[in-house]
Structure formats: structure tokens, C-alpha cells
Amino acid sequence: MEKNDKVYIKLQKHLNNQAVGFPATKSGVEIKILKHIFTHEEAEIGSFLSYKFETLKIIFGRVGHLVGSPEELKKILDRIQKKGGIESKRKKGRFGKLMLKGKLFLDAFRTGQTHLLKP
């Protein structure tokens, strides 16, 4: 395990506690998947996201110590969303997180279909 992996392990455990799960494997492929989708900063923020769609204000209340402003948080969440790491409901100004997609990412790595993942 690399020193930098702790934040990804925290995110993997957080995702695994969600309805669909995101289990650890002996090979550690789940960490490679998360590194492919999330930067270190994004993974830190991801570990505070709920499985529910929430407003930016609610999310900022939990991660304000990690980012300087709600505007900065919105940019980060938009970046994660563009890479397929979270879902968002733009009309209602709500953001969600990697939940149902977790199994799809894991299956992509297990089957060698990583080209299907968004860069």
C-alpha cells in the first residue's frame, strides 16, 4: 500500500457501506479504480458524500474544512461528475455520489473493459 492510498481506502470503505457496495479485493483493483476516477482531494471529499442527493449547502457543511468556499466545492463536484464519479440533479441543484456505478467500475476492471470508463 502506498502512503497516498489511505484516502482511497477510506473512500472504498465508505462506498462499500452503501446499498450496492464496493468491496475490497485481494488484488486492490478497487483502489486503482478510485484513483482513475478521483484525485486525492476528490477522494477526501467523496468520503463525506451521502448516498442521497443533497444541496451544495448541506455538503459544504460537512466538507467545508477541506475546501475554501461553496463555489470551490461546486467546481470539484462538477469535475467528479464529468468523470462519472457522482451523479447530479442540476435542475434541483442537488449532488449525489458514486453508488450504483460502483459495481460497474469494478466489473470494468475485472473484465478488462476499462476503456468504457470515462477519463
PDB file of N, CA and C in Angstrom:
ATOM      1  N   MET A   1       0.837  -1.187   0.000  1.00  0.00           N
ATOM      2  CA  MET A   1       0.000   0.000   0.000  1.00  0.00           C
ATOM      3  C   MET A   1       0.880   1.248   0.000  1.00  0.00           C
ATOM      4  N   GLU A   2       0.540   2.174  -0.854  1.00  0.00           N
ATOM      5  CA  GLU A   2       1.253   3.445  -0.914  1.00  0.00           C
ATOM      6  C   GLU A   2       0.735   4.378   0.174  1.00  0.00           C
ATOM      7  N   LYS A   3       1.559   5.304   0.585  1.00  0.00           N
ATOM      8  CA  LYS A   3       1.183   6.281   1.611  1.00  0.00           C
ATOM      9  C   LYS A   3      -0.073   7.047   1.183  1.00  0.00           C
ATOM     10  N   ASN A   4      -0.170   7.335  -0.081  1.00  0.00           N
ATOM     11  CA  ASN A   4      -1.265   8.103  -0.663  1.00  0.00           C
ATOM     12  C   ASN A   4      -2.580   7.319  -0.711  1.00  0.00           C
ATOM     13  N   ASP A   5      -2.526   5.997  -0.490  1.00  0.00           N
ATOM     14  CA  ASP A   5      -3.706   5.148  -0.652  1.00  0.00           C
ATOM     15  C   ASP A   5      -4.718   5.264   0.485  1.00  0.00           C
ATOM     16  N   LYS A   6      -4.340   5.792   1.626  1.00  0.00           N
ATOM     17  CA  LYS A   6      -5.246   5.822   2.785  1.00  0.00           C
ATOM     18  C   LYS A   6      -6.567   6.514   2.473  1.00  0.00           C
ATOM     19  N   VAL A   7      -6.500   7.618   1.753  1.00  0.00           N
ATOM     20  CA  VAL A   7      -7.732   8.349   1.428  1.00  0.00           C
ATOM     21  C   VAL A   7      -8.616   7.514   0.493  1.00  0.00           C
ATOM     22  N   TYR A   8      -8.003   6.732  -0.391  1.00  0.00           N
ATOM     23  CA  TYR A   8      -8.769   5.887  -1.304  1.00  0.00           C
ATOM     24  C   TYR A   8      -9.368   4.685  -0.567  1.00  0.00           C
ATOM     25  N   ILE A   9      -8.651   4.168   0.407  1.00  0.00           N
ATOM     26  CA  ILE A   9      -9.174   3.069   1.219  1.00  0.00           C
ATOM     27  C   ILE A   9     -10.361   3.563   2.043  1.00  0.00           C
ATOM     28  N   LYS A  10     -10.251   4.770   2.575  1.00  0.00           N
ATOM     29  CA  LYS A  10     -11.366   5.364   3.325  1.00  0.00           C
ATOM     30  C   LYS A  10     -12.590   5.512   2.424  1.00  0.00           C
ATOM     31  N   LEU A  11     -12.376   5.974   1.183  1.00  0.00           N
ATOM     32  CA  LEU A  11     -13.481   6.132   0.240  1.00  0.00           C
ATOM     33  C   LEU A  11     -14.074   4.771  -0.130  1.00  0.00           C
ATOM     34  N   GLN A  12     -13.226   3.779  -0.359  1.00  0.00           N
ATOM     35  CA  GLN A  12     -13.708   2.431  -0.702  1.00  0.00           C
ATOM     36  C   GLN A  12     -14.580   1.882   0.420  1.00  0.00           C
ATOM     37  N   LYS A  13     -14.154   2.045   1.657  1.00  0.00           N
ATOM     38  CA  LYS A  13     -14.946   1.560   2.792  1.00  0.00           C
ATOM     39  C   LYS A  13     -16.270   2.311   2.894  1.00  0.00           C
ATOM     40  N   HIS A  14     -16.225   3.606   2.641  1.00  0.00           N
ATOM     41  CA  HIS A  14     -17.443   4.415   2.664  1.00  0.00           C
ATOM     42  C   HIS A  14     -18.409   3.928   1.585  1.00  0.00           C
ATOM     43  N   LEU A  15     -17.904   3.695   0.390  1.00  0.00           N
ATOM     44  CA  LEU A  15     -18.746   3.216  -0.704  1.00  0.00           C
ATOM     45  C   LEU A  15     -19.274   1.813  -0.417  1.00  0.00           C
ATOM     46  N   ASN A  16     -18.462   0.996   0.203  1.00  0.00           N
ATOM     47  CA  ASN A  16     -18.883  -0.369   0.498  1.00  0.00           C
ATOM     48  C   ASN A  16     -20.020  -0.400   1.516  1.00  0.00           C
ATOM     49  N   ASN A  17     -20.167   0.633   2.303  1.00  0.00           N
ATOM     50  CA  ASN A  17     -21.265   0.712   3.264  1.00  0.00           C
ATOM     51  C   ASN A  17     -22.564   1.179   2.631  1.00  0.00           C
ATOM     52  N   GLN A  18     -22.527   1.500   1.338  1.00  0.00           N
ATOM     53  CA  GLN A  18     -23.733   1.936   0.639  1.00  0.00           C
ATOM     54  C   GLN A  18     -24.524   0.710   0.189  1.00  0.00           C
ATOM     55  N   ALA A  19     -25.689   0.930  -0.358  1.00  0.00           N
ATOM     56  CA  ALA A  19     -26.605  -0.157  -0.725  1.00  0.00           C
ATOM     57  C   ALA A  19     -25.984  -1.199  -1.668  1.00  0.00           C
ATOM     58  N   VAL A  20     -25.293  -0.762  -2.700  1.00  0.00           N
ATOM     59  CA  VAL A  20     -24.728  -1.682  -3.681  1.00  0.00           C
ATOM     60  C   VAL A  20     -23.390  -2.234  -3.220  1.00  0.00           C
ATOM     61  N   GLY A  21     -22.637  -1.434  -2.491  1.00  0.00           N
ATOM     62  CA  GLY A  21     -21.336  -1.870  -2.003  1.00  0.00           C
ATOM     63  C   GLY A  21     -20.224  -1.620  -3.002  1.00  0.00           C
ATOM     64  N   PHE A  22     -19.012  -1.693  -2.506  1.00  0.00           N
ATOM     65  CA  PHE A  22     -17.809  -1.538  -3.320  1.00  0.00           C
ATOM     66  C   PHE A  22     -16.701  -2.279  -2.567  1.00  0.00           C
ATOM     67  N   PRO A  23     -16.728  -3.614  -2.633  1.00  0.00           N
ATOM     68  CA  PRO A  23     -15.865  -4.430  -1.778  1.00  0.00           C
ATOM     69  C   PRO A  23     -14.377  -4.335  -2.104  1.00  0.00           C
ATOM     70  N   ALA A  24     -13.588  -4.554  -1.072  1.00  0.00           N
ATOM     71  CA  ALA A  24     -12.138  -4.649  -1.242  1.00  0.00           C
ATOM     72  C   ALA A  24     -11.819  -5.997  -1.874  1.00  0.00           C
ATOM     73  N   THR A  25     -10.741  -6.040  -2.641  1.00  0.00           N
ATOM     74  CA  THR A  25     -10.287  -7.285  -3.258  1.00  0.00           C
ATOM     75  C   THR A  25      -8.849  -7.555  -2.846  1.00  0.00           C
ATOM     76  N   LYS A  26      -8.425  -8.790  -3.018  1.00  0.00           N
ATOM     77  CA  LYS A  26      -7.034  -9.138  -2.708  1.00  0.00           C
ATOM     78  C   LYS A  26      -6.062  -8.385  -3.604  1.00  0.00           C
ATOM     79  N   SER A  27      -6.457  -8.183  -4.851  1.00  0.00           N
ATOM     80  CA  SER A  27      -5.570  -7.522  -5.813  1.00  0.00           C
ATOM     81  C   SER A  27      -5.502  -6.010  -5.615  1.00  0.00           C
ATOM     82  N   GLY A  28      -6.496  -5.441  -4.916  1.00  0.00           N
ATOM     83  CA  GLY A  28      -6.530  -3.997  -4.719  1.00  0.00           C
ATOM     84  C   GLY A  28      -7.024  -3.225  -5.929  1.00  0.00           C
ATOM     85  N   VAL A  29      -7.692  -3.898  -6.840  1.00  0.00           N
ATOM     86  CA  VAL A  29      -8.163  -3.253  -8.070  1.00  0.00           C
ATOM     87  C   VAL A  29      -9.132  -2.108  -7.759  1.00  0.00           C
ATOM     88  N   GLU A  30      -9.851  -2.211  -6.646  1.00  0.00           N
ATOM     89  CA  GLU A  30     -10.802  -1.160  -6.308  1.00  0.00           C
ATOM     90  C   GLU A  30     -10.098   0.169  -6.048  1.00  0.00           C
ATOM     91  N   ILE A  31      -8.882   0.115  -5.517  1.00  0.00           N
ATOM     92  CA  ILE A  31      -8.111   1.337  -5.281  1.00  0.00           C
ATOM     93  C   ILE A  31      -7.668   1.928  -6.621  1.00  0.00           C
ATOM     94  N   LYS A  32      -7.286   1.073  -7.566  1.00  0.00           N
ATOM     95  CA  LYS A  32      -6.913   1.549  -8.905  1.00  0.00           C
ATOM     96  C   LYS A  32      -8.100   2.230  -9.582  1.00  0.00           C
ATOM     97  N   ILE A  33      -9.280   1.660  -9.400  1.00  0.00           N
ATOM     98  CA  ILE A  33     -10.487   2.257  -9.976  1.00  0.00           C
ATOM     99  C   ILE A  33     -10.719   3.645  -9.391  1.00  0.00           C
ATOM    100  N   LEU A  34     -10.636   3.733  -8.072  1.00  0.00           N
ATOM    101  CA  LEU A  34     -10.879   5.022  -7.420  1.00  0.00           C
ATOM    102  C   LEU A  34      -9.828   6.057  -7.816  1.00  0.00           C
ATOM    103  N   LYS A  35      -8.577   5.630  -7.957  1.00  0.00           N
ATOM    104  CA  LYS A  35      -7.522   6.556  -8.390  1.00  0.00           C
ATOM    105  C   LYS A  35      -7.755   7.020  -9.825  1.00  0.00           C
ATOM    106  N   HIS A  36      -8.376   6.172 -10.624  1.00  0.00           N
ATOM    107  CA  HIS A  36      -8.682   6.515 -12.012  1.00  0.00           C
ATOM    108  C   HIS A  36      -9.761   7.601 -12.079  1.00  0.00           C
ATOM    109  N   ILE A  37     -10.667   7.585 -11.116  1.00  0.00           N
ATOM    110  CA  ILE A  37     -11.809   8.490 -11.132  1.00  0.00           C
ATOM    111  C   ILE A  37     -11.586   9.734 -10.284  1.00  0.00           C
ATOM    112  N   PHE A  38     -10.976   9.558  -9.114  1.00  0.00           N
ATOM    113  CA  PHE A  38     -10.852  10.636  -8.139  1.00  0.00           C
ATOM    114  C   PHE A  38      -9.407  11.061  -7.926  1.00  0.00           C
ATOM    115  N   THR A  39      -9.168  12.369  -7.878  1.00  0.00           N
ATOM    116  CA  THR A  39      -7.880  12.859  -7.397  1.00  0.00           C
ATOM    117  C   THR A  39      -7.870  12.644  -5.884  1.00  0.00           C
ATOM    118  N   HIS A  40      -6.737  12.865  -5.262  1.00  0.00           N
ATOM    119  CA  HIS A  40      -6.633  12.730  -3.810  1.00  0.00           C
ATOM    120  C   HIS A  40      -7.658  13.641  -3.119  1.00  0.00           C
ATOM    121  N   GLU A  41      -7.722  14.892  -3.542  1.00  0.00           N
ATOM    122  CA  GLU A  41      -8.665  15.851  -2.963  1.00  0.00           C
ATOM    123  C   GLU A  41     -10.112  15.406  -3.173  1.00  0.00           C
ATOM    124  N   GLU A  42     -10.432  14.941  -4.368  1.00  0.00           N
ATOM    125  CA  GLU A  42     -11.783  14.498  -4.674  1.00  0.00           C
ATOM    126  C   GLU A  42     -12.173  13.273  -3.840  1.00  0.00           C
ATOM    127  N   ALA A  43     -11.225  12.376  -3.614  1.00  0.00           N
ATOM    128  CA  ALA A  43     -11.491  11.185  -2.796  1.00  0.00           C
ATOM    129  C   ALA A  43     -11.783  11.575  -1.352  1.00  0.00           C
ATOM    130  N   GLU A  44     -11.050  12.564  -0.849  1.00  0.00           N
ATOM    131  CA  GLU A  44     -11.320  13.052   0.515  1.00  0.00           C
ATOM    132  C   GLU A  44     -12.745  13.570   0.621  1.00  0.00           C
ATOM    133  N   ILE A  45     -13.139  14.369  -0.344  1.00  0.00           N
ATOM    134  CA  ILE A  45     -14.489  14.926  -0.344  1.00  0.00           C
ATOM    135  C   ILE A  45     -15.515  13.820  -0.547  1.00  0.00           C
ATOM    136  N   GLY A  46     -15.231  12.885  -1.435  1.00  0.00           N
ATOM    137  CA  GLY A  46     -16.152  11.776  -1.710  1.00  0.00           C
ATOM    138  C   GLY A  46     -16.488  10.960  -0.487  1.00  0.00           C
ATOM    139  N   SER A  47     -15.551  10.852   0.428  1.00  0.00           N
ATOM    140  CA  SER A  47     -15.804  10.042   1.623  1.00  0.00           C
ATOM    141  C   SER A  47     -16.783  10.721   2.589  1.00  0.00           C
ATOM    142  N   PHE A  48     -17.143  11.969   2.307  1.00  0.00           N
ATOM    143  CA  PHE A  48     -18.131  12.683   3.125  1.00  0.00           C
ATOM    144  C   PHE A  48     -19.485  12.800   2.427  1.00  0.00           C
ATOM    145  N   LEU A  49     -19.596  12.308   1.193  1.00  0.00           N
ATOM    146  CA  LEU A  49     -20.851  12.429   0.469  1.00  0.00           C
ATOM    147  C   LEU A  49     -21.824  11.347   0.900  1.00  0.00           C
ATOM    148  N   SER A  50     -23.084  11.675   0.850  1.00  0.00           N
ATOM    149  CA  SER A  50     -24.147  10.754   1.207  1.00  0.00           C
ATOM    150  C   SER A  50     -24.608   9.996  -0.026  1.00  0.00           C
ATOM    151  N   TYR A  51     -25.329   8.917   0.194  1.00  0.00           N
ATOM    152  CA  TYR A  51     -25.932   8.190  -0.917  1.00  0.00           C
ATOM    153  C   TYR A  51     -27.147   8.938  -1.455  1.00  0.00           C
ATOM    154  N   LYS A  52     -27.599   9.940  -0.715  1.00  0.00           N
ATOM    155  CA  LYS A  52     -28.752  10.741  -1.118  1.00  0.00           C
ATOM    156  C   LYS A  52     -28.282  11.930  -1.955  1.00  0.00           C
ATOM    157  N   PHE A  53     -29.184  12.441  -2.767  1.00  0.00           N
ATOM    158  CA  PHE A  53     -28.911  13.695  -3.446  1.00  0.00           C
ATOM    159  C   PHE A  53     -29.091  14.816  -2.433  1.00  0.00           C
ATOM    160  N   GLU A  54     -28.106  15.725  -2.362  1.00  0.00           N
ATOM    161  CA  GLU A  54     -28.138  16.796  -1.376  1.00  0.00           C
ATOM    162  C   GLU A  54     -27.748  18.114  -2.029  1.00  0.00           C
ATOM    163  N   THR A  55     -28.126  19.200  -1.387  1.00  0.00           N
ATOM    164  CA  THR A  55     -27.754  20.515  -1.890  1.00  0.00           C
ATOM    165  C   THR A  55     -26.281  20.787  -1.597  1.00  0.00           C
ATOM    166  N   LEU A  56     -25.746  21.725  -2.321  1.00  0.00           N
ATOM    167  CA  LEU A  56     -24.367  22.142  -2.123  1.00  0.00           C
ATOM    168  C   LEU A  56     -24.158  22.645  -0.690  1.00  0.00           C
ATOM    169  N   LYS A  57     -25.139  23.367  -0.174  1.00  0.00           N
ATOM    170  CA  LYS A  57     -25.042  23.916   1.181  1.00  0.00           C
ATOM    171  C   LYS A  57     -24.894  22.806   2.225  1.00  0.00           C
ATOM    172  N   ILE A  58     -25.655  21.752   2.086  1.00  0.00           N
ATOM    173  CA  ILE A  58     -25.577  20.634   3.031  1.00  0.00           C
ATOM    174  C   ILE A  58     -24.217  19.941   2.933  1.00  0.00           C
ATOM    175  N   ILE A  59     -23.769  19.693   1.714  1.00  0.00           N
ATOM    176  CA  ILE A  59     -22.474  19.033   1.528  1.00  0.00           C
ATOM    177  C   ILE A  59     -21.357  19.917   2.064  1.00  0.00           C
ATOM    178  N   PHE A  60     -21.409  21.207   1.775  1.00  0.00           N
ATOM    179  CA  PHE A  60     -20.378  22.121   2.262  1.00  0.00           C
ATOM    180  C   PHE A  60     -20.316  22.124   3.788  1.00  0.00           C
ATOM    181  N   GLY A  61     -21.449  21.938   4.431  1.00  0.00           N
ATOM    182  CA  GLY A  61     -21.479  21.863   5.885  1.00  0.00           C
ATOM    183  C   GLY A  61     -20.612  20.734   6.431  1.00  0.00           C
ATOM    184  N   ARG A  62     -20.469  19.665   5.649  1.00  0.00           N
ATOM    185  CA  ARG A  62     -19.641  18.526   6.072  1.00  0.00           C
ATOM    186  C   ARG A  62     -18.196  18.617   5.603  1.00  0.00           C
ATOM    187  N   VAL A  63     -17.960  19.282   4.458  1.00  0.00           N
ATOM    188  CA  VAL A  63     -16.602  19.288   3.883  1.00  0.00           C
ATOM    189  C   VAL A  63     -15.966  20.672   3.851  1.00  0.00           C
ATOM    190  N   GLY A  64     -16.585  21.631   4.501  1.00  0.00           N
ATOM    191  CA  GLY A  64     -16.053  22.998   4.498  1.00  0.00           C
ATOM    192  C   GLY A  64     -14.624  23.087   4.994  1.00  0.00           C
ATOM    193  N   HIS A  65     -14.223  22.166   5.857  1.00  0.00           N
ATOM    194  CA  HIS A  65     -12.847  22.163   6.359  1.00  0.00           C
ATOM    195  C   HIS A  65     -11.848  21.702   5.299  1.00  0.00           C
ATOM    196  N   LEU A  66     -12.344  21.133   4.185  1.00  0.00           N
ATOM    197  CA  LEU A  66     -11.472  20.643   3.115  1.00  0.00           C
ATOM    198  C   LEU A  66     -11.369  21.601   1.928  1.00  0.00           C
ATOM    199  N   VAL A  67     -12.345  22.508   1.798  1.00  0.00           N
ATOM    200  CA  VAL A  67     -12.373  23.450   0.677  1.00  0.00           C
ATOM    201  C   VAL A  67     -12.605  24.864   1.194  1.00  0.00           C
ATOM    202  N   GLY A  68     -12.224  25.843   0.407  1.00  0.00           N
ATOM    203  CA  GLY A  68     -12.309  27.229   0.850  1.00  0.00           C
ATOM    204  C   GLY A  68     -13.677  27.861   0.780  1.00  0.00           C
ATOM    205  N   SER A  69     -14.524  27.389  -0.148  1.00  0.00           N
ATOM    206  CA  SER A  69     -15.816  28.038  -0.344  1.00  0.00           C
ATOM    207  C   SER A  69     -16.793  27.083  -1.028  1.00  0.00           C
ATOM    208  N   PRO A  70     -18.087  27.387  -0.953  1.00  0.00           N
ATOM    209  CA  PRO A  70     -19.059  26.570  -1.689  1.00  0.00           C
ATOM    210  C   PRO A  70     -18.797  26.580  -3.200  1.00  0.00           C
ATOM    211  N   GLU A  71     -18.310  27.701  -3.706  1.00  0.00           N
ATOM    212  CA  GLU A  71     -18.014  27.792  -5.144  1.00  0.00           C
ATOM    213  C   GLU A  71     -16.901  26.822  -5.534  1.00  0.00           C
ATOM    214  N   GLU A  72     -15.869  26.744  -4.691  1.00  0.00           N
ATOM    215  CA  GLU A  72     -14.771  25.806  -4.947  1.00  0.00           C
ATOM    216  C   GLU A  72     -15.283  24.365  -4.882  1.00  0.00           C
ATOM    217  N   LEU A  73     -16.135  24.084  -3.922  1.00  0.00           N
ATOM    218  CA  LEU A  73     -16.722  22.749  -3.797  1.00  0.00           C
ATOM    219  C   LEU A  73     -17.528  22.403  -5.035  1.00  0.00           C
ATOM    220  N   LYS A  74     -18.311  23.350  -5.533  1.00  0.00           N
ATOM    221  CA  LYS A  74     -19.116  23.093  -6.735  1.00  0.00           C
ATOM    222  C   LYS A  74     -18.226  22.732  -7.912  1.00  0.00           C
ATOM    223  N   LYS A  75     -17.105  23.425  -8.077  1.00  0.00           N
ATOM    224  CA  LYS A  75     -16.172  23.112  -9.164  1.00  0.00           C
ATOM    225  C   LYS A  75     -15.624  21.696  -9.022  1.00  0.00           C
ATOM    226  N   ILE A  76     -15.313  21.312  -7.795  1.00  0.00           N
ATOM    227  CA  ILE A  76     -14.783  19.965  -7.548  1.00  0.00           C
ATOM    228  C   ILE A  76     -15.842  18.905  -7.836  1.00  0.00           C
ATOM    229  N   LEU A  77     -17.064  19.135  -7.361  1.00  0.00           N
ATOM    230  CA  LEU A  77     -18.142  18.181  -7.610  1.00  0.00           C
ATOM    231  C   LEU A  77     -18.460  18.080  -9.101  1.00  0.00           C
ATOM    232  N   ASP A  78     -18.419  19.200  -9.802  1.00  0.00           N
ATOM    233  CA  ASP A  78     -18.635  19.186 -11.257  1.00  0.00           C
ATOM    234  C   ASP A  78     -17.556  18.351 -11.953  1.00  0.00           C
ATOM    235  N   ARG A  79     -16.329  18.500 -11.500  1.00  0.00           N
ATOM    236  CA  ARG A  79     -15.204  17.738 -12.072  1.00  0.00           C
ATOM    237  C   ARG A  79     -15.412  16.239 -11.854  1.00  0.00           C
ATOM    238  N   ILE A  80     -15.789  15.860 -10.644  1.00  0.00           N
ATOM    239  CA  ILE A  80     -16.025  14.442 -10.353  1.00  0.00           C
ATOM    240  C   ILE A  80     -17.186  13.918 -11.199  1.00  0.00           C
ATOM    241  N   GLN A  81     -18.218  14.723 -11.331  1.00  0.00           N
ATOM    242  CA  GLN A  81     -19.390  14.315 -12.104  1.00  0.00           C
ATOM    243  C   GLN A  81     -19.028  14.094 -13.567  1.00  0.00           C
ATOM    244  N   LYS A  82     -18.194  14.962 -14.131  1.00  0.00           N
ATOM    245  CA  LYS A  82     -17.781  14.822 -15.531  1.00  0.00           C
ATOM    246  C   LYS A  82     -17.003  13.528 -15.769  1.00  0.00           C
ATOM    247  N   LYS A  83     -16.312  13.069 -14.734  1.00  0.00           N
ATOM    248  CA  LYS A  83     -15.545  11.822 -14.845  1.00  0.00           C
ATOM    249  C   LYS A  83     -16.388  10.599 -14.510  1.00  0.00           C
ATOM    250  N   GLY A  84     -17.652  10.814 -14.165  1.00  0.00           N
ATOM    251  CA  GLY A  84     -18.544   9.702 -13.864  1.00  0.00           C
ATOM    252  C   GLY A  84     -18.498   9.227 -12.429  1.00  0.00           C
ATOM    253  N   GLY A  85     -17.874   9.990 -11.542  1.00  0.00           N
ATOM    254  CA  GLY A  85     -17.743   9.565 -10.154  1.00  0.00           C
ATOM    255  C   GLY A  85     -18.958   9.808  -9.298  1.00  0.00           C
ATOM    256  N   ILE A  86     -19.760  10.804  -9.651  1.00  0.00           N
ATOM    257  CA  ILE A  86     -21.006  11.072  -8.929  1.00  0.00           C
ATOM    258  C   ILE A  86     -22.086  11.404  -9.938  1.00  0.00           C
ATOM    259  N   GLU A  87     -23.289  11.368  -9.467  1.00  0.00           N
ATOM    260  CA  GLU A  87     -24.419  11.810 -10.274  1.00  0.00           C
ATOM    261  C   GLU A  87     -24.892  13.135  -9.703  1.00  0.00           C
ATOM    262  N   SER A  88     -25.506  13.945 -10.530  1.00  0.00           N
ATOM    263  CA  SER A  88     -26.055  15.201 -10.016  1.00  0.00           C
ATOM    264  C   SER A  88     -27.410  15.458 -10.641  1.00  0.00           C
ATOM    265  N   LYS A  89     -28.206  16.185  -9.900  1.00  0.00           N
ATOM    266  CA  LYS A  89     -29.514  16.623 -10.397  1.00  0.00           C
ATOM    267  C   LYS A  89     -29.427  18.126 -10.528  1.00  0.00           C
ATOM    268  N   ARG A  90     -29.086  18.578 -11.705  1.00  0.00           N
ATOM    269  CA  ARG A  90     -28.862  20.001 -11.951  1.00  0.00           C
ATOM    270  C   ARG A  90     -30.115  20.847 -11.737  1.00  0.00           C
ATOM    271  N   LYS A  91     -31.252  20.355 -12.125  1.00  0.00           N
ATOM    272  CA  LYS A  91     -32.471  21.152 -12.029  1.00  0.00           C
ATOM    273  C   LYS A  91     -32.796  21.529 -10.589  1.00  0.00           C
ATOM    274  N   LYS A  92     -32.495  20.652  -9.689  1.00  0.00           N
ATOM    275  CA  LYS A  92     -32.808  20.916  -8.291  1.00  0.00           C
ATOM    276  C   LYS A  92     -31.564  21.332  -7.510  1.00  0.00           C
ATOM    277  N   GLY A  93     -30.438  21.469  -8.199  1.00  0.00           N
ATOM    278  CA  GLY A  93     -29.218  21.897  -7.531  1.00  0.00           C
ATOM    279  C   GLY A  93     -28.706  20.900  -6.515  1.00  0.00           C
ATOM    280  N   ARG A  94     -28.928  19.631  -6.771  1.00  0.00           N
ATOM    281  CA  ARG A  94     -28.515  18.606  -5.825  1.00  0.00           C
ATOM    282  C   ARG A  94     -27.433  17.719  -6.438  1.00  0.00           C
ATOM    283  N   PHE A  95     -26.569  17.224  -5.573  1.00  0.00           N
ATOM    284  CA  PHE A  95     -25.497  16.337  -5.995  1.00  0.00           C
ATOM    285  C   PHE A  95     -25.636  15.013  -5.272  1.00  0.00           C
ATOM    286  N   GLY A  96     -25.139  13.963  -5.889  1.00  0.00           N
ATOM    287  CA  GLY A  96     -25.119  12.646  -5.255  1.00  0.00           C
ATOM    288  C   GLY A  96     -23.717  12.080  -5.348  1.00  0.00           C
ATOM    289  N   LYS A  97     -23.589  10.780  -5.240  1.00  0.00           N
ATOM    290  CA  LYS A  97     -22.250  10.203  -5.311  1.00  0.00           C
ATOM    291  C   LYS A  97     -22.249   8.844  -5.963  1.00  0.00           C
ATOM    292  N   LEU A  98     -21.055   8.341  -6.153  1.00  0.00           N
ATOM    293  CA  LEU A  98     -20.871   7.013  -6.716  1.00  0.00           C
ATOM    294  C   LEU A  98     -21.597   6.008  -5.845  1.00  0.00           C
ATOM    295  N   MET A  99     -22.602   5.373  -6.398  1.00  0.00           N
ATOM    296  CA  MET A  99     -23.339   4.378  -5.634  1.00  0.00           C
ATOM    297  C   MET A  99     -23.602   3.191  -6.544  1.00  0.00           C
ATOM    298  N   LEU A 100     -24.587   3.300  -7.396  1.00  0.00           N
ATOM    299  CA  LEU A 100     -24.889   2.206  -8.310  1.00  0.00           C
ATOM    300  C   LEU A 100     -23.769   1.977  -9.308  1.00  0.00           C
ATOM    301  N   LYS A 101     -22.989   3.008  -9.575  1.00  0.00           N
ATOM    302  CA  LYS A 101     -21.907   2.897 -10.545  1.00  0.00           C
ATOM    303  C   LYS A 101     -20.744   2.065 -10.014  1.00  0.00           C
ATOM    304  N   GLY A 102     -20.643   1.908  -8.712  1.00  0.00           N
ATOM    305  CA  GLY A 102     -19.513   1.209  -8.119  1.00  0.00           C
ATOM    306  C   GLY A 102     -19.296  -0.174  -8.689  1.00  0.00           C
ATOM    307  N   LYS A 103     -20.338  -0.980  -8.776  1.00  0.00           N
ATOM    308  CA  LYS A 103     -20.217  -2.327  -9.313  1.00  0.00           C
ATOM    309  C   LYS A 103     -19.821  -2.289 -10.782  1.00  0.00           C
ATOM    310  N   LEU A 104     -20.325  -1.327 -11.515  1.00  0.00           N
ATOM    311  CA  LEU A 104     -19.982  -1.223 -12.931  1.00  0.00           C
ATOM    312  C   LEU A 104     -18.495  -0.947 -13.116  1.00  0.00           C
ATOM    313  N   PHE A 105     -17.921  -0.067 -12.274  1.00  0.00           N
ATOM    314  CA  PHE A 105     -16.499   0.229 -12.366  1.00  0.00           C
ATOM    315  C   PHE A 105     -15.667  -1.005 -12.039  1.00  0.00           C
ATOM    316  N   LEU A 106     -16.064  -1.716 -11.000  1.00  0.00           N
ATOM    317  CA  LEU A 106     -15.336  -2.906 -10.598  1.00  0.00           C
ATOM    318  C   LEU A 106     -15.404  -3.963 -11.691  1.00  0.00           C
ATOM    319  N   ASP A 107     -16.587  -4.157 -12.266  1.00  0.00           N
ATOM    320  CA  ASP A 107     -16.737  -5.121 -13.355  1.00  0.00           C
ATOM    321  C   ASP A 107     -15.902  -4.733 -14.571  1.00  0.00           C
ATOM    322  N   ALA A 108     -15.793  -3.434 -14.848  1.00  0.00           N
ATOM    323  CA  ALA A 108     -14.983  -2.981 -15.982  1.00  0.00           C
ATOM    324  C   ALA A 108     -13.522  -3.395 -15.805  1.00  0.00           C
ATOM    325  N   PHE A 109     -12.994  -3.260 -14.604  1.00  0.00           N
ATOM    326  CA  PHE A 109     -11.610  -3.656 -14.356  1.00  0.00           C
ATOM    327  C   PHE A 109     -11.446  -5.167 -14.371  1.00  0.00           C
ATOM    328  N   ARG A 110     -12.379  -5.869 -13.810  1.00  0.00           N
ATOM    329  CA  ARG A 110     -12.283  -7.341 -13.756  1.00  0.00           C
ATOM    330  C   ARG A 110     -12.336  -7.957 -15.145  1.00  0.00           C
ATOM    331  N   THR A 111     -13.084  -7.335 -16.055  1.00  0.00           N
ATOM    332  CA  THR A 111     -13.237  -7.889 -17.400  1.00  0.00           C
ATOM    333  C   THR A 111     -12.300  -7.249 -18.423  1.00  0.00           C
ATOM    334  N   GLY A 112     -11.481  -6.315 -17.985  1.00  0.00           N
ATOM    335  CA  GLY A 112     -10.559  -5.662 -18.906  1.00  0.00           C
ATOM    336  C   GLY A 112     -11.221  -4.617 -19.787  1.00  0.00           C
ATOM    337  N   GLN A 113     -12.415  -4.193 -19.444  1.00  0.00           N
ATOM    338  CA  GLN A 113     -13.161  -3.227 -20.259  1.00  0.00           C
ATOM    339  C   GLN A 113     -12.986  -1.801 -19.739  1.00  0.00           C
ATOM    340  N   THR A 114     -11.783  -1.446 -19.285  1.00  0.00           N
ATOM    341  CA  THR A 114     -11.563  -0.128 -18.680  1.00  0.00           C
ATOM    342  C   THR A 114     -11.740   1.011 -19.663  1.00  0.00           C
ATOM    343  N   HIS A 115     -11.688   0.718 -20.951  1.00  0.00           N
ATOM    344  CA  HIS A 115     -11.911   1.767 -21.939  1.00  0.00           C
ATOM    345  C   HIS A 115     -13.329   2.330 -21.839  1.00  0.00           C
ATOM    346  N   LEU A 116     -14.231   1.608 -21.175  1.00  0.00           N
ATOM    347  CA  LEU A 116     -15.599   2.080 -21.023  1.00  0.00           C
ATOM    348  C   LEU A 116     -15.721   3.151 -19.934  1.00  0.00           C
ATOM    349  N   LEU A 117     -14.708   3.270 -19.097  1.00  0.00           N
ATOM    350  CA  LEU A 117     -14.725   4.275 -18.043  1.00  0.00           C
ATOM    351  C   LEU A 117     -14.433   5.633 -18.627  1.00  0.00           C
ATOM    352  N   LYS A 118     -15.088   6.635 -18.113  1.00  0.00           N
ATOM    353  CA  LYS A 118     -14.817   7.998 -18.581  1.00  0.00           C
ATOM    354  C   LYS A 118     -13.440   8.432 -18.079  1.00  0.00           C
ATOM    355  N   PRO A 119     -12.678   9.148 -18.921  1.00  0.00           N
ATOM    356  CA  PRO A 119     -11.341   9.593 -18.466  1.00  0.00           C
ATOM    357  C   PRO A 119     -11.435  10.651 -17.400  1.00  0.00           C
TER     358      PRO A 119
END
